């Protein structure tokens, strides 16, 4: 499954991508990266079982 990141804005996308690179090389830790994820990425919608069923039937 391909994970596509959706950002709150273009500015947040640039910030998050920069911090992602810093995380990859070890400059920031996982806790800090999670904070940037929460701040920059749009929240993921939690589907109920009935919503998932309705989507599949469409």
C-alpha atoms as a PDB file:
ATOM      1  CA  UNK A   1       0.000   0.000   0.000  1.00  0.00           C
ATOM      2  CA  UNK A   2       1.387   3.388  -0.981  1.00  0.00           C
ATOM      3  CA  UNK A   3       1.347   6.037   1.748  1.00  0.00           C
ATOM      4  CA  UNK A   4       0.668   9.492   0.361  1.00  0.00           C
ATOM      5  CA  UNK A   5       1.289  12.358   2.757  1.00  0.00           C
ATOM      6  CA  UNK A   6      -1.156  15.246   2.691  1.00  0.00           C
ATOM      7  CA  UNK A   7       0.138  18.504   4.108  1.00  0.00           C
ATOM      8  CA  UNK A   8      -1.779  21.402   5.629  1.00  0.00           C
ATOM      9  CA  UNK A   9      -0.050  23.806   3.204  1.00  0.00           C
ATOM     10  CA  UNK A  10       2.910  24.092   0.838  1.00  0.00           C
ATOM     11  CA  UNK A  11       4.942  25.739   3.601  1.00  0.00           C
ATOM     12  CA  UNK A  12       4.261  22.838   5.964  1.00  0.00           C
ATOM     13  CA  UNK A  13       5.251  20.425   3.178  1.00  0.00           C
ATOM     14  CA  UNK A  14       8.634  22.129   2.796  1.00  0.00           C
ATOM     15  CA  UNK A  15       9.225  22.183   6.555  1.00  0.00           C
ATOM     16  CA  UNK A  16       8.231  18.545   6.961  1.00  0.00           C
ATOM     17  CA  UNK A  17      10.385  17.358   4.065  1.00  0.00           C
ATOM     18  CA  UNK A  18      13.390  19.215   5.507  1.00  0.00           C
ATOM     19  CA  UNK A  19      12.835  17.725   8.944  1.00  0.00           C
ATOM     20  CA  UNK A  20      12.325  14.289   7.379  1.00  0.00           C
ATOM     21  CA  UNK A  21      15.777  14.548   5.836  1.00  0.00           C
ATOM     22  CA  UNK A  22      17.226  15.602   9.171  1.00  0.00           C
ATOM     23  CA  UNK A  23      15.561  12.592  10.818  1.00  0.00           C
ATOM     24  CA  UNK A  24      16.965  10.255   8.141  1.00  0.00           C
ATOM     25  CA  UNK A  25      20.537  11.376   8.906  1.00  0.00           C
ATOM     26  CA  UNK A  26      20.015  11.291  12.675  1.00  0.00           C
ATOM     27  CA  UNK A  27      19.969  15.001  13.511  1.00  0.00           C
ATOM     28  CA  UNK A  28      16.548  14.805  15.187  1.00  0.00           C
ATOM     29  CA  UNK A  29      14.980  11.921  17.116  1.00  0.00           C
ATOM     30  CA  UNK A  30      11.740   9.989  16.540  1.00  0.00           C
ATOM     31  CA  UNK A  31       9.821  11.972  19.185  1.00  0.00           C
ATOM     32  CA  UNK A  32      10.643  15.276  17.478  1.00  0.00           C
ATOM     33  CA  UNK A  33       9.694  13.823  14.071  1.00  0.00           C
ATOM     34  CA  UNK A  34       6.315  12.723  15.461  1.00  0.00           C
ATOM     35  CA  UNK A  35       5.717  16.293  16.630  1.00  0.00           C
ATOM     36  CA  UNK A  36       6.429  17.579  13.116  1.00  0.00           C
ATOM     37  CA  UNK A  37       4.099  14.910  11.701  1.00  0.00           C
ATOM     38  CA  UNK A  38       1.295  16.133  13.962  1.00  0.00           C
ATOM     39  CA  UNK A  39       1.941  19.771  13.101  1.00  0.00           C
ATOM     40  CA  UNK A  40       2.434  19.487   9.349  1.00  0.00           C
ATOM     41  CA  UNK A  41       0.283  16.586   8.149  1.00  0.00           C
ATOM     42  CA  UNK A  42      -3.487  16.625   7.859  1.00  0.00           C
ATOM     43  CA  UNK A  43      -5.233  14.256  10.274  1.00  0.00           C
ATOM     44  CA  UNK A  44      -6.213  10.814   9.008  1.00  0.00           C
ATOM     45  CA  UNK A  45      -9.940  10.098   9.027  1.00  0.00           C
ATOM     46  CA  UNK A  46     -10.817   7.072  11.144  1.00  0.00           C
ATOM     47  CA  UNK A  47     -13.501   5.109   9.295  1.00  0.00           C
ATOM     48  CA  UNK A  48     -16.043   3.021  11.134  1.00  0.00           C
ATOM     49  CA  UNK A  49     -16.810  -0.511   9.988  1.00  0.00           C
ATOM     50  CA  UNK A  50     -20.069   0.599   8.361  1.00  0.00           C
ATOM     51  CA  UNK A  51     -18.290   3.424   6.482  1.00  0.00           C
ATOM     52  CA  UNK A  52     -15.694   0.960   5.159  1.00  0.00           C
ATOM     53  CA  UNK A  53     -18.449  -1.416   4.065  1.00  0.00           C
ATOM     54  CA  UNK A  54     -20.285   1.424   2.285  1.00  0.00           C
ATOM     55  CA  UNK A  55     -17.095   2.467   0.464  1.00  0.00           C
ATOM     56  CA  UNK A  56     -16.448  -1.084  -0.708  1.00  0.00           C
ATOM     57  CA  UNK A  57     -20.003  -1.538  -1.932  1.00  0.00           C
ATOM     58  CA  UNK A  58     -19.831   1.662  -4.000  1.00  0.00           C
END
